[in-house]
Amino acid sequence: MSKKLFEDFEGVTSKAWKQKIQVDLKGADYNDTLIWTTNEDINVKPFYHQDDLVAENPLPVTSNTWNICQTIFVADVKLSNKKAVNAIERGAESIAFIIPDNEVSITDLTKNIDISVIPLHFKLQFLDAIFVAKVYKLSSKNITVNTDIIGNLARSGNWFSGFEADFTALETIIKTNPSALSVDSGLYQNAGANNVQQLAYTLAHANEYLNAFGTTLSAPITFNVSVGTNYFFEIAKLRALRVLWKTIAKEYGANTDCFIFVTPTKRNKTIYDYNINMLRTTTECMSAILGGANTICNLAYDAIYHKDNEFGERIARNQLLILKHESYFDAVENASDGSYYIENLTTQLAEKALTLFKSIENKDGFLHLLKSGTIQKKIKENAQKEVEQFNNKSLILLGTNKHPNPEDKMKNDLELYPFLKMNTRKTLIEPILEKRIAEAAEQNRLNQE
């Protein structure tokens, strides 16, 4: 019956739609009125059609099942273990431990956790091949150690020990544990890079490892990605990342699969009208799911100004539980597949990122441009553009630069310093600094309380 119903209607081409819109505009220019250009220099049209899908030749993207993760900073091993066990009992399906030093007892930290069922991610803030080996002795499966020496250089401005020492240690690690390699892509998003820059810098960053290790990378690499609230663009960004990595890794004979670990960005979060942060993180987690993330760790609504607390973490975890078990975001495979708009965005982001990536490689690669300050400069330029858009209200953060609540006071509720901290120290290169869009406006408002 449905087939016969659709056969009664003739198809309408994109050209016919555009002609109808042009008539309705009554003389106004179609391009000037309805097409807008993003910071990535992508023209967004008012509608997309099957003709676009055919023209773009959609990229072969597949999504994966995803799990809910809880991130725990290990300041105290016993308390962190207790917190992890409790999080698992309350719905967490995996745990990411942030390890500050090599004195942490892995055995005590993972006590009463069934590693055969619960995947564990270890994010080390140091470089130690012996410690990594201890971690992998726990299990050959469901264990991932995030090791990213270039990410540490980009974030801190220094190597752990030095260029040669760091690459030698990393080589030792991945020879026996190839799944220990990761790329901190979230740094570029939180510092203010646009989506094309994020993809290109992530690929160029990873390509330094491909150049050094090539076929040694026999396990999927981990990309730690941050996503923002530009809903469809973030979906397309994750899909483009998976395709681009597969294309580049194939050339080196490395494993073409990747593991995408997603956390909502801090860049658009605010201290005023902070409950809106929950709305932001909800759509960001939805983008992560539809974009094909493997693991999602939500960000608590008060993470930028409160110390870790049970209430904020429970709300963040419950957001993902609702998306998975009540909104059925785990019931549909490849939900974004075939969407004319998303397919178009995926292709455009991938093509523009690949062009920028090639430009980076033609200029001696990511490390060279990082040391010269070129990468930092480009990110700061886009970050400043976003701040200007925030100031002129073409970029809206509800509750902060639009419809602010004048009765909202925050000066006495700040447990953490929510702004960029500048500590004078000696570095090899200029570090890439994470900074939220609303920081200057919030500081002005705090001073007026």
Protein backbone atom coordinates (compact mmCIF):
# COMPACT_ATOMS: atom_id res chain seq x y z
CA MET A 1 0.00 0.00 0.00
CA SER A 2 2.81 2.42 0.94
CA LYS A 3 4.64 1.74 -2.31
CA LYS A 4 1.53 2.41 -4.36
CA LEU A 5 0.91 5.63 -2.41
CA PHE A 6 4.36 7.03 -3.22
CA GLU A 7 4.03 6.03 -6.85
CA ASP A 8 1.09 8.46 -7.08
CA PHE A 9 3.43 11.42 -6.55
CA GLU A 10 6.07 12.62 -8.93
CA GLY A 11 9.53 13.31 -7.58
CA VAL A 12 10.62 16.94 -7.24
CA THR A 13 14.19 17.86 -8.20
CA SER A 14 16.38 20.19 -6.14
CA LYS A 15 16.28 22.61 -9.08
CA ALA A 16 12.47 22.75 -8.89
CA TRP A 17 12.59 23.37 -5.13
CA LYS A 18 15.08 26.19 -5.59
CA GLN A 19 12.94 27.80 -8.29
CA LYS A 20 9.90 27.69 -5.98
CA ILE A 21 11.91 29.25 -3.13
CA GLN A 22 13.20 31.97 -5.46
CA VAL A 23 9.61 32.87 -6.38
CA ASP A 24 8.61 33.02 -2.70
CA LEU A 25 11.55 35.31 -1.93
CA LYS A 26 9.91 37.95 -4.16
CA GLY A 27 13.12 39.31 -5.61
CA ALA A 28 15.45 38.80 -2.67
CA ASP A 29 18.73 37.09 -3.56
CA TYR A 30 18.66 33.35 -2.76
CA ASN A 31 22.37 33.13 -1.84
CA ASP A 32 22.47 36.28 0.29
CA THR A 33 19.21 35.55 2.08
CA LEU A 34 19.28 31.80 2.75
CA ILE A 35 22.86 30.56 2.52
CA TRP A 36 25.20 31.13 5.47
CA THR A 37 28.92 30.47 5.73
CA THR A 38 30.54 28.82 8.75
CA ASN A 39 33.96 29.43 10.28
CA GLU A 40 35.11 26.39 8.31
CA ASP A 41 34.15 28.21 5.10
CA ILE A 42 31.33 25.77 4.44
CA ASN A 43 28.21 27.15 2.76
CA VAL A 44 25.09 25.80 4.46
CA LYS A 45 22.07 25.65 2.17
CA PRO A 46 18.44 26.05 3.26
CA PHE A 47 17.58 22.53 2.10
CA TYR A 48 19.26 19.36 0.93
CA HIS A 49 18.00 16.89 -1.61
CA GLN A 50 18.70 13.41 -2.88
CA ASP A 51 20.50 15.07 -5.78
CA ASP A 52 23.12 16.24 -3.25
CA LEU A 53 23.58 12.69 -1.99
CA VAL A 54 24.20 11.38 -5.49
CA ALA A 55 26.52 14.26 -6.32
CA GLU A 56 28.60 13.88 -3.16
CA ASN A 57 29.05 10.10 -3.48
CA PRO A 58 28.59 9.54 0.29
CA LEU A 59 31.52 8.24 2.28
CA PRO A 60 31.37 4.67 3.64
CA VAL A 61 30.89 5.39 7.34
CA THR A 62 29.79 2.79 9.87
CA SER A 63 28.87 3.45 13.49
CA ASN A 64 29.50 1.24 16.48
CA THR A 65 27.84 0.22 19.68
CA TRP A 66 28.74 2.71 22.40
CA ASN A 67 29.15 2.54 26.12
CA ILE A 68 28.76 4.93 29.03
CA CYS A 69 31.98 5.88 30.75
CA GLN A 70 32.84 7.48 34.08
CA THR A 71 36.13 9.40 34.35
CA ILE A 72 37.90 9.31 37.72
CA PHE A 73 41.02 11.24 38.68
CA VAL A 74 43.07 9.00 40.97
CA ALA A 75 44.14 11.20 43.87
CA ASP A 76 43.51 8.40 46.39
CA VAL A 77 43.60 4.79 45.17
CA LYS A 78 41.11 3.34 47.67
CA LEU A 79 38.61 6.15 47.26
CA SER A 80 38.95 6.01 43.46
CA ASN A 81 38.34 2.26 43.46
CA LYS A 82 35.27 2.70 45.66
CA LYS A 83 34.01 5.43 43.36
CA ALA A 84 34.52 3.26 40.27
CA VAL A 85 32.69 0.28 41.78
CA ASN A 86 29.82 2.56 42.79
CA ALA A 87 29.65 4.14 39.31
CA ILE A 88 29.45 0.68 37.72
CA GLU A 89 26.63 -0.30 40.08
CA ARG A 90 24.78 2.88 39.03
CA GLY A 91 25.03 2.32 35.28
CA ALA A 92 28.57 3.11 34.08
CA GLU A 93 29.67 0.57 31.48
CA SER A 94 33.36 1.52 31.46
CA ILE A 95 35.80 3.52 33.58
CA ALA A 96 38.52 5.96 32.57
CA PHE A 97 41.17 6.45 35.26
CA ILE A 98 43.38 9.53 35.07
CA ILE A 99 46.68 8.45 36.67
CA PRO A 100 48.93 11.28 37.95
CA ASP A 101 52.07 9.25 38.75
CA ASN A 102 53.61 5.77 38.63
CA GLU A 103 53.15 5.19 42.38
CA VAL A 104 49.51 4.20 41.86
CA SER A 105 48.79 0.53 42.63
CA ILE A 106 46.91 -0.84 39.64
CA THR A 107 45.91 -3.96 41.58
CA ASP A 108 44.28 -1.94 44.36
CA LEU A 109 42.73 0.49 41.89
CA THR A 110 40.92 -2.25 39.97
CA LYS A 111 39.86 -4.34 42.96
CA ASN A 112 36.32 -5.81 42.64
CA ILE A 113 36.03 -4.67 38.99
CA ASP A 114 35.29 -7.44 36.48
CA ILE A 115 37.63 -6.46 33.64
CA SER A 116 36.16 -9.15 31.39
CA VAL A 117 32.91 -7.16 31.42
CA ILE A 118 33.93 -3.56 32.19
CA PRO A 119 36.42 -1.91 29.78
CA LEU A 120 39.05 0.21 31.54
CA HIS A 121 40.86 3.20 30.06
CA PHE A 122 44.02 4.50 31.72
CA LYS A 123 45.00 8.07 30.90
CA LEU A 124 48.55 8.59 32.16
CA GLN A 125 49.95 12.03 32.99
CA PHE A 126 53.48 10.65 32.75
CA LEU A 127 55.50 8.36 30.45
CA ASP A 128 56.64 5.03 31.87
CA ALA A 129 56.95 1.86 29.77
CA ILE A 130 57.25 -0.36 32.86
CA PHE A 131 54.05 1.05 34.36
CA VAL A 132 52.18 0.52 31.07
CA ALA A 133 53.34 -3.10 31.02
CA LYS A 134 51.95 -3.55 34.56
CA VAL A 135 48.59 -2.23 33.43
CA TYR A 136 48.37 -4.62 30.51
CA LYS A 137 49.19 -7.55 32.75
CA LEU A 138 45.70 -7.15 34.18
CA SER A 139 44.14 -8.39 30.96
CA SER A 140 44.85 -8.69 27.25
CA LYS A 141 41.31 -7.48 26.54
CA ASN A 142 39.19 -4.52 27.64
CA ILE A 143 42.29 -2.54 28.69
CA THR A 144 43.42 0.63 26.92
CA VAL A 145 46.27 2.87 27.99
CA ASN A 146 46.30 6.36 26.46
CA THR A 147 49.86 7.36 25.59
CA ASP A 148 50.34 10.57 23.60
CA ILE A 149 53.77 12.19 23.79
CA ILE A 150 52.96 14.77 21.09
CA GLY A 151 49.74 15.66 22.87
CA ASN A 152 51.76 16.30 26.03
CA LEU A 153 54.13 18.54 24.07
CA ALA A 154 51.24 20.49 22.53
CA ARG A 155 49.43 20.91 25.87
CA SER A 156 52.37 21.61 28.18
CA GLY A 157 54.98 23.00 25.80
CA ASN A 158 57.50 20.33 26.82
CA TRP A 159 58.29 16.68 26.17
CA PHE A 160 58.08 14.33 29.12
CA SER A 161 61.87 13.87 28.98
CA GLY A 162 62.99 14.86 25.50
CA PHE A 163 62.27 14.16 21.84
CA GLU A 164 64.44 11.05 21.48
CA ALA A 165 63.74 9.70 24.96
CA ASP A 166 59.98 10.07 24.54
CA PHE A 167 59.87 8.37 21.13
CA THR A 168 62.13 5.57 22.39
CA ALA A 169 59.85 4.98 25.38
CA LEU A 170 56.76 5.07 23.16
CA GLU A 171 58.35 2.59 20.76
CA THR A 172 59.01 0.22 23.67
CA ILE A 173 55.39 0.55 24.80
CA ILE A 174 53.68 -0.07 21.46
CA LYS A 175 55.94 -2.96 20.44
CA THR A 176 54.22 -5.13 23.04
CA ASN A 177 51.04 -3.09 23.54
CA PRO A 178 50.06 -1.43 20.22
CA SER A 179 46.67 -0.37 21.62
CA ALA A 180 48.45 2.04 24.00
CA LEU A 181 48.69 4.83 21.41
CA SER A 182 46.28 7.76 21.53
CA VAL A 183 45.80 11.25 20.11
CA ASP A 184 44.45 14.13 22.20
CA SER A 185 42.16 15.70 19.63
CA GLY A 186 40.04 17.40 22.30
CA LEU A 187 42.84 19.86 23.03
CA TYR A 188 42.33 21.56 19.66
CA GLN A 189 38.56 21.89 20.13
CA ASN A 190 38.83 23.25 23.67
CA ALA A 191 41.47 25.77 22.55
CA GLY A 192 39.19 27.17 19.83
CA ALA A 193 40.02 25.37 16.58
CA ASN A 194 37.18 25.02 14.07
CA ASN A 195 36.02 21.59 12.91
CA VAL A 196 38.24 21.47 9.80
CA GLN A 197 41.28 22.47 11.86
CA GLN A 198 40.44 19.87 14.51
CA LEU A 199 40.29 17.10 11.93
CA ALA A 200 43.40 18.21 10.06
CA TYR A 201 45.50 18.74 13.20
CA THR A 202 44.34 15.42 14.62
CA LEU A 203 45.35 13.62 11.42
CA ALA A 204 48.69 15.45 11.18
CA HIS A 205 49.31 14.69 14.86
CA ALA A 206 48.57 10.98 14.28
CA ASN A 207 50.61 11.00 11.08
CA GLU A 208 53.74 11.78 13.10
CA TYR A 209 53.21 8.42 14.81
CA LEU A 210 52.59 6.71 11.47
CA ASN A 211 55.86 8.13 10.15
CA ALA A 212 57.71 6.85 13.20
CA PHE A 213 56.10 3.45 13.66
CA GLY A 214 54.12 2.55 10.51
CA THR A 215 53.10 -1.13 10.45
CA THR A 216 53.95 -1.44 14.18
CA LEU A 217 50.56 0.17 14.80
CA SER A 218 48.67 -3.09 14.50
CA ALA A 219 45.86 -2.17 16.92
CA PRO A 220 43.23 0.58 16.63
CA ILE A 221 44.46 4.02 17.70
CA THR A 222 42.41 5.94 20.28
CA PHE A 223 41.20 9.43 19.43
CA ASN A 224 40.12 11.46 22.46
CA VAL A 225 37.66 13.91 20.94
CA SER A 226 35.63 16.82 22.31
CA VAL A 227 32.31 17.77 20.73
CA GLY A 228 30.41 21.05 20.79
CA THR A 229 26.79 22.04 20.27
CA ASN A 230 26.87 22.54 16.50
CA TYR A 231 24.75 19.39 16.35
CA PHE A 232 24.98 18.20 12.74
CA PHE A 233 28.54 19.43 12.24
CA GLU A 234 29.71 17.43 15.25
CA ILE A 235 28.02 14.29 13.93
CA ALA A 236 29.74 14.84 10.58
CA LYS A 237 33.10 15.58 12.27
CA LEU A 238 33.23 12.18 13.97
CA ARG A 239 32.13 10.39 10.82
CA ALA A 240 34.76 12.24 8.77
CA LEU A 241 37.48 11.41 11.32
CA ARG A 242 36.85 7.68 11.01
CA VAL A 243 36.98 7.80 7.22
CA LEU A 244 40.07 10.02 7.06
CA TRP A 245 42.02 7.85 9.50
CA LYS A 246 41.16 4.75 7.50
CA THR A 247 42.37 6.43 4.31
CA ILE A 248 45.70 7.58 5.77
CA ALA A 249 46.49 4.53 7.92
CA LYS A 250 45.96 2.27 4.93
CA GLU A 251 48.86 3.98 3.14
CA TYR A 252 51.22 2.97 5.96
CA GLY A 253 49.96 -0.57 6.38
CA ALA A 254 48.78 0.29 9.90
CA ASN A 255 45.51 -0.78 11.49
CA THR A 256 42.77 1.26 9.81
CA ASP A 257 40.29 1.02 12.68
CA CYS A 258 40.14 3.63 15.40
CA PHE A 259 38.55 3.93 18.82
CA ILE A 260 36.75 7.24 19.37
CA PHE A 261 36.44 8.35 23.00
CA VAL A 262 34.22 11.42 23.28
CA THR A 263 33.72 14.03 26.00
CA PRO A 264 31.63 17.22 25.65
CA THR A 265 33.70 20.35 25.20
CA LYS A 266 34.38 22.82 28.00
CA ARG A 267 34.72 25.69 25.56
CA ASN A 268 31.03 26.63 25.47
CA LYS A 269 30.27 25.92 29.13
CA THR A 270 29.33 28.75 31.48
CA ILE A 271 29.31 29.47 35.19
CA TYR A 272 26.19 31.65 34.98
CA ASP A 273 22.87 29.93 34.31
CA TYR A 274 24.86 26.72 34.72
CA ASN A 275 21.84 24.42 34.33
CA ILE A 276 21.93 25.23 30.61
CA ASN A 277 25.18 23.27 30.56
CA MET A 278 23.04 20.16 30.94
CA LEU A 279 21.16 21.03 27.75
CA ARG A 280 24.46 21.60 25.96
CA THR A 281 25.99 18.32 27.09
CA THR A 282 22.82 16.41 26.18
CA THR A 283 22.90 17.51 22.54
CA GLU A 284 26.67 17.00 22.47
CA CYS A 285 26.30 13.42 23.67
CA MET A 286 23.59 12.89 21.06
CA SER A 287 25.99 14.10 18.37
CA ALA A 288 28.63 11.72 19.70
CA ILE A 289 26.25 8.77 19.54
CA LEU A 290 25.00 9.54 16.03
CA GLY A 291 28.55 10.29 14.88
CA GLY A 292 29.69 6.81 15.82
CA ALA A 293 31.61 7.25 19.08
CA ASN A 294 32.73 4.05 20.81
CA THR A 295 32.73 5.43 24.34
CA ILE A 296 31.14 8.58 25.75
CA CYS A 297 32.03 10.21 29.04
CA ASN A 298 29.68 13.05 29.85
CA LEU A 299 30.80 16.29 31.49
CA ALA A 300 29.08 17.31 34.71
CA TYR A 301 27.11 20.56 34.44
CA ASP A 302 29.25 22.12 37.22
CA ALA A 303 32.61 20.64 36.24
CA ILE A 304 34.23 23.98 35.41
CA TYR A 305 33.63 25.59 38.81
CA HIS A 306 32.90 22.78 41.33
CA LYS A 307 35.15 20.02 42.59
CA ASP A 308 34.09 16.49 41.66
CA ASN A 309 30.84 15.73 43.45
CA GLU A 310 28.40 12.85 43.55
CA PHE A 311 25.37 14.90 42.44
CA GLY A 312 26.96 16.41 39.32
CA GLU A 313 28.48 13.09 38.27
CA ARG A 314 25.21 11.22 38.83
CA ILE A 315 23.29 13.71 36.69
CA ALA A 316 25.91 13.45 33.92
CA ARG A 317 25.77 9.66 33.98
CA ASN A 318 21.97 9.64 34.06
CA GLN A 319 21.84 11.82 30.95
CA LEU A 320 23.59 9.04 29.04
CA LEU A 321 21.46 6.34 30.66
CA ILE A 322 18.30 8.16 29.55
CA LEU A 323 19.63 8.54 26.00
CA LYS A 324 20.50 4.87 25.86
CA HIS A 325 17.68 3.13 27.68
CA GLU A 326 14.74 5.54 27.50
CA SER A 327 15.38 7.41 24.26
CA TYR A 328 16.62 4.22 22.54
CA PHE A 329 19.74 5.77 21.06
CA ASP A 330 21.27 2.30 21.12
CA ALA A 331 18.42 0.69 19.20
CA VAL A 332 19.08 2.13 15.75
CA GLU A 333 22.26 1.40 13.83
CA ASN A 334 23.71 4.14 11.61
CA ALA A 335 20.86 6.53 12.37
CA SER A 336 22.55 9.38 10.48
CA ASP A 337 23.21 7.22 7.42
CA GLY A 338 21.59 8.62 4.28
CA SER A 339 20.77 12.04 5.72
CA TYR A 340 21.39 14.37 2.79
CA TYR A 341 22.59 17.19 5.05
CA ILE A 342 24.89 15.05 7.23
CA GLU A 343 26.34 13.20 4.24
CA ASN A 344 27.07 16.54 2.57
CA LEU A 345 28.71 17.93 5.71
CA THR A 346 30.76 14.77 6.23
CA THR A 347 32.14 14.98 2.70
CA GLN A 348 32.89 18.70 2.90
CA LEU A 349 34.61 18.45 6.29
CA ALA A 350 36.64 15.45 5.13
CA GLU A 351 37.72 17.13 1.90
CA LYS A 352 38.66 20.44 3.55
CA ALA A 353 40.48 18.68 6.38
CA LEU A 354 42.40 16.53 3.92
CA THR A 355 43.45 19.62 1.98
CA LEU A 356 44.71 21.30 5.17
CA PHE A 357 46.42 18.08 6.25
CA LYS A 358 48.30 17.90 2.93
CA SER A 359 49.33 21.53 3.36
CA ILE A 360 50.76 20.71 6.81
CA GLU A 361 52.69 17.74 5.44
CA ASN A 362 54.06 19.85 2.57
CA LYS A 363 55.43 22.26 5.19
CA ASP A 364 57.46 19.53 6.97
CA GLY A 365 54.69 18.16 9.13
CA PHE A 366 52.82 18.78 12.35
CA LEU A 367 55.77 18.81 14.76
CA HIS A 368 57.61 21.35 12.65
CA LEU A 369 54.61 23.70 12.54
CA LEU A 370 53.96 23.15 16.23
CA LYS A 371 57.54 24.14 17.08
CA SER A 372 57.34 27.21 14.83
CA GLY A 373 54.10 28.33 16.50
CA THR A 374 52.04 28.13 13.29
CA ILE A 375 49.46 25.69 14.69
CA GLN A 376 49.04 27.78 17.84
CA LYS A 377 48.60 30.95 15.79
CA LYS A 378 45.91 29.44 13.56
CA ILE A 379 43.96 28.11 16.55
CA LYS A 380 44.14 31.47 18.33
CA GLU A 381 42.88 33.26 15.23
CA ASN A 382 39.76 31.10 15.09
CA ALA A 383 39.31 31.28 18.87
CA GLN A 384 39.39 35.08 18.70
CA LYS A 385 36.88 35.02 15.86
CA GLU A 386 34.50 32.99 18.05
CA VAL A 387 34.93 35.46 20.93
CA GLU A 388 34.10 38.35 18.57
CA GLN A 389 31.02 36.44 17.38
CA PHE A 390 30.07 35.91 21.03
CA ASN A 391 30.50 39.62 21.74
CA ASN A 392 28.35 40.70 18.79
CA LYS A 393 25.83 37.95 19.60
CA SER A 394 26.10 36.09 16.32
CA LEU A 395 27.29 33.20 18.51
CA ILE A 396 24.79 32.72 21.32
CA LEU A 397 25.39 31.21 24.74
CA LEU A 398 21.95 31.34 26.31
CA GLY A 399 21.97 32.75 29.82
CA THR A 400 25.31 34.46 29.26
CA ASN A 401 25.19 36.81 26.27
CA LYS A 402 21.46 36.40 25.66
CA HIS A 403 18.67 36.43 28.28
CA PRO A 404 21.08 36.53 31.25
CA ASN A 405 19.53 36.31 34.69
CA PRO A 406 20.64 39.48 36.55
CA GLU A 407 19.81 37.84 39.88
CA ASP A 408 22.26 35.01 39.27
CA LYS A 409 25.28 35.40 41.59
CA MET A 410 28.29 33.08 41.41
CA LYS A 411 31.19 34.71 43.28
CA ASN A 412 30.64 32.67 46.46
CA ASP A 413 29.94 29.38 44.64
CA LEU A 414 33.29 28.94 42.88
CA GLU A 415 35.18 25.98 44.33
CA LEU A 416 37.51 25.88 41.32
CA TYR A 417 39.06 28.76 39.40
CA PRO A 418 37.07 28.59 36.13
CA PHE A 419 39.37 30.76 34.01
CA LEU A 420 42.61 30.25 32.13
CA LYS A 421 45.57 30.06 34.51
CA MET A 422 48.89 31.47 33.34
CA ASN A 423 51.92 30.09 35.16
CA THR A 424 55.29 31.43 34.11
CA ARG A 425 57.64 28.57 33.28
CA LYS A 426 60.19 27.59 30.69
CA THR A 427 58.87 25.67 27.68
CA LEU A 428 60.31 24.41 24.42
CA ILE A 429 57.32 25.62 22.43
CA GLU A 430 54.29 27.80 23.03
CA PRO A 431 51.66 25.50 24.58
CA ILE A 432 48.16 25.27 23.14
CA LEU A 433 45.89 26.73 25.82
CA GLU A 434 42.31 25.73 26.46
CA LYS A 435 40.02 28.66 27.09
CA ARG A 436 36.26 29.02 27.29
CA ILE A 437 34.46 31.51 25.04
CA ALA A 438 32.64 33.31 27.87
CA GLU A 439 35.61 33.82 30.22
CA ALA A 440 36.10 37.58 29.75
CA ALA A 441 32.38 38.31 30.01
CA GLU A 442 32.07 36.18 33.14
CA GLN A 443 35.06 37.86 34.80
CA ASN A 444 33.51 41.29 34.16
CA ARG A 445 30.23 40.12 35.62
CA LEU A 446 31.90 38.63 38.70
CA ASN A 447 33.67 41.94 39.32
CA GLN A 448 30.31 43.71 39.31
CA GLU A 449 28.65 41.42 41.85
